[in-house]
Amino acid sequence: MSDTLTLAGIAFDGFSTPSAIGGGGKQAMVVHKLPGGSRVVHTLGPDEDNITWNGEFFGNNAYTNALILDGIRATGAVVPLVFGGQYRSVIVDHYSYKIRKLPVWVTYEISCLVYRNPSLGVLGAAIGGIDAMITSDLSFAAALLP
């Protein structure tokens, strides 16, 4: 496993890499509450949490990196994020920076909305996807017919 952090091709070095970065999320679902307290639950799939972190840039390219990341935020482009041996396609939905000592020391905060998590494709294949579930339901219903 690699501890390299890159966002849109910008490599965060040992100084600018955050002390913590996380992943995870929720299960998207619709819950129908029925009389008598019963529930019907439809799971819709994973709903990824934003990936957030903060840190500091220090060195001759600190201010340049801060401005590049702000430009990426402004474009709203889908960009690659690599961290902890994982890959995500993300959109930078929040980025702010503070110049501590121009141009060599800049602190920053960033939040990335997960646009696509390719590792979840393995989960979908294991379950079989919606088509497999519909086919299974139709087969079951056909078996009930006389």
Protein backbone atom coordinates (compact mmCIF):
# COMPACT_ATOMS: atom_id res chain seq x y z
CA MET A 1 0.00 0.00 0.00
CA SER A 2 1.25 3.45 -0.85
CA ASP A 3 0.94 6.56 1.28
CA THR A 4 1.31 8.90 -1.71
CA LEU A 5 -1.30 11.67 -1.96
CA THR A 6 -1.93 13.28 -5.33
CA LEU A 7 -4.82 15.42 -6.50
CA ALA A 8 -5.13 16.31 -10.20
CA GLY A 9 -1.46 15.49 -10.65
CA ILE A 10 -0.27 17.64 -7.74
CA ALA A 11 1.89 15.51 -5.46
CA PHE A 12 1.70 16.38 -1.79
CA ASP A 13 5.13 15.93 -0.25
CA GLY A 14 6.02 14.79 3.25
CA PHE A 15 5.38 18.28 4.63
CA SER A 16 2.09 19.04 2.84
CA THR A 17 0.57 15.58 3.30
CA PRO A 18 -2.10 15.66 6.03
CA SER A 19 -1.79 13.71 9.23
CA ALA A 20 -5.19 12.10 8.53
CA ILE A 21 -7.47 11.50 5.54
CA GLY A 22 -10.52 9.28 5.53
CA GLY A 23 -13.09 7.53 3.44
CA GLY A 24 -16.40 5.76 3.88
CA GLY A 25 -19.95 6.95 3.68
CA LYS A 26 -23.53 5.86 4.10
CA GLN A 27 -25.96 3.51 2.42
CA ALA A 28 -28.50 5.49 0.41
CA MET A 29 -31.98 4.15 1.03
CA VAL A 30 -35.67 4.91 0.93
CA VAL A 31 -37.72 3.86 3.95
CA HIS A 32 -41.50 3.52 3.71
CA LYS A 33 -43.09 3.52 7.16
CA LEU A 34 -46.28 1.50 7.21
CA PRO A 35 -49.19 1.43 9.68
CA GLY A 36 -48.41 -0.70 12.70
CA GLY A 37 -44.72 0.17 12.67
CA SER A 38 -43.68 -2.03 9.75
CA ARG A 39 -41.15 -0.71 7.27
CA VAL A 40 -40.27 -1.41 3.68
CA VAL A 41 -36.65 -0.52 2.95
CA HIS A 42 -35.14 -0.08 -0.51
CA THR A 43 -31.36 0.11 -0.49
CA LEU A 44 -30.03 2.26 -3.32
CA GLY A 45 -26.29 1.76 -2.96
CA PRO A 46 -23.35 3.47 -1.39
CA ASP A 47 -23.37 7.24 -0.80
CA GLU A 48 -19.75 8.27 -0.38
CA ASP A 49 -18.77 10.88 2.21
CA ASN A 50 -16.67 13.81 1.04
CA ILE A 51 -12.96 13.27 1.47
CA THR A 52 -11.56 16.16 3.50
CA TRP A 53 -8.20 17.12 4.89
CA ASN A 54 -6.04 20.09 5.74
CA GLY A 55 -2.35 20.78 5.78
CA GLU A 56 0.43 23.15 4.87
CA PHE A 57 2.51 23.79 1.81
CA PHE A 58 6.06 24.87 2.51
CA GLY A 59 8.73 25.62 -0.07
CA ASN A 60 9.28 27.57 -3.24
CA ASN A 61 6.14 26.14 -4.90
CA ALA A 62 3.79 26.59 -1.90
CA TYR A 63 1.91 29.61 -3.25
CA THR A 64 1.80 28.17 -6.77
CA ASN A 65 0.26 24.91 -5.51
CA ALA A 66 -2.32 26.88 -3.51
CA LEU A 67 -3.35 28.85 -6.61
CA ILE A 68 -3.48 25.73 -8.81
CA LEU A 69 -5.77 23.95 -6.34
CA ASP A 70 -8.00 27.02 -6.17
CA GLY A 71 -8.19 26.98 -9.96
CA ILE A 72 -9.19 23.31 -9.93
CA ARG A 73 -11.96 24.15 -7.45
CA ALA A 74 -13.15 27.02 -9.64
CA THR A 75 -13.42 24.86 -12.78
CA GLY A 76 -15.53 22.14 -11.12
CA ALA A 77 -13.66 19.52 -13.16
CA VAL A 78 -13.63 15.84 -12.28
CA VAL A 79 -10.03 15.07 -11.28
CA PRO A 80 -8.13 12.03 -9.96
CA LEU A 81 -7.40 11.66 -6.25
CA VAL A 82 -4.94 8.98 -5.10
CA PHE A 83 -4.30 8.27 -1.42
CA GLY A 84 -3.43 5.26 0.71
CA GLY A 85 -3.27 3.00 -2.35
CA GLN A 86 -6.82 4.01 -3.35
CA TYR A 87 -8.18 5.94 -6.33
CA ARG A 88 -11.27 8.16 -6.65
CA SER A 89 -12.60 10.54 -9.28
CA VAL A 90 -13.53 13.69 -7.35
CA ILE A 91 -14.71 17.28 -7.68
CA VAL A 92 -13.12 19.82 -5.34
CA ASP A 93 -16.22 21.30 -3.70
CA HIS A 94 -14.44 23.41 -1.08
CA TYR A 95 -10.93 24.77 -0.92
CA SER A 96 -9.52 27.63 1.13
CA TYR A 97 -6.00 28.75 1.85
CA LYS A 98 -4.19 31.24 4.04
CA ILE A 99 -0.83 32.76 3.20
CA ARG A 100 1.39 32.52 6.25
CA LYS A 101 4.64 33.73 4.67
CA LEU A 102 4.54 34.64 0.96
CA PRO A 103 5.50 32.71 -1.14
CA VAL A 104 6.85 29.79 0.88
CA TRP A 105 4.27 28.94 3.57
CA VAL A 106 0.55 28.41 2.91
CA THR A 107 -2.01 26.55 5.01
CA TYR A 108 -5.03 24.98 3.31
CA GLU A 109 -8.31 23.09 3.81
CA ILE A 110 -9.89 20.98 1.08
CA SER A 111 -13.03 18.90 0.60
CA CYS A 112 -13.59 16.61 -2.38
CA LEU A 113 -16.95 15.23 -3.45
CA VAL A 114 -16.53 11.65 -4.62
CA TYR A 115 -17.79 11.54 -8.21
CA ARG A 116 -16.84 7.89 -8.77
CA ASN A 117 -15.27 5.21 -6.63
CA PRO A 118 -14.16 2.44 -9.00
CA SER A 119 -13.52 0.01 -6.13
CA LEU A 120 -17.28 -0.13 -5.52
CA GLY A 121 -17.70 -1.76 -8.94
CA VAL A 122 -16.46 -4.96 -7.32
CA LEU A 123 -19.34 -4.74 -4.85
CA GLY A 124 -21.90 -4.27 -7.63
CA ALA A 125 -20.52 -7.26 -9.53
CA ALA A 126 -20.69 -9.41 -6.39
CA ILE A 127 -24.32 -8.54 -5.82
CA GLY A 128 -25.16 -8.97 -9.49
CA GLY A 129 -26.69 -5.56 -10.04
CA ILE A 130 -30.29 -4.50 -10.60
CA ASP A 131 -30.70 -6.55 -13.79
CA ALA A 132 -29.93 -9.78 -11.95
CA MET A 133 -32.39 -8.90 -9.18
CA ILE A 134 -35.18 -8.15 -11.66
CA THR A 135 -34.51 -11.37 -13.58
CA SER A 136 -34.59 -13.33 -10.34
CA ASP A 137 -37.90 -11.72 -9.31
CA LEU A 138 -39.45 -12.44 -12.72
CA SER A 139 -38.30 -16.06 -12.59
CA PHE A 140 -39.81 -16.46 -9.12
CA ALA A 141 -43.10 -14.90 -10.24
CA ALA A 142 -43.25 -17.10 -13.36
CA ALA A 143 -42.75 -20.21 -11.21
CA LEU A 144 -45.86 -19.26 -9.21
CA LEU A 145 -48.10 -19.26 -12.31
CA PRO A 146 -50.15 -22.44 -12.98
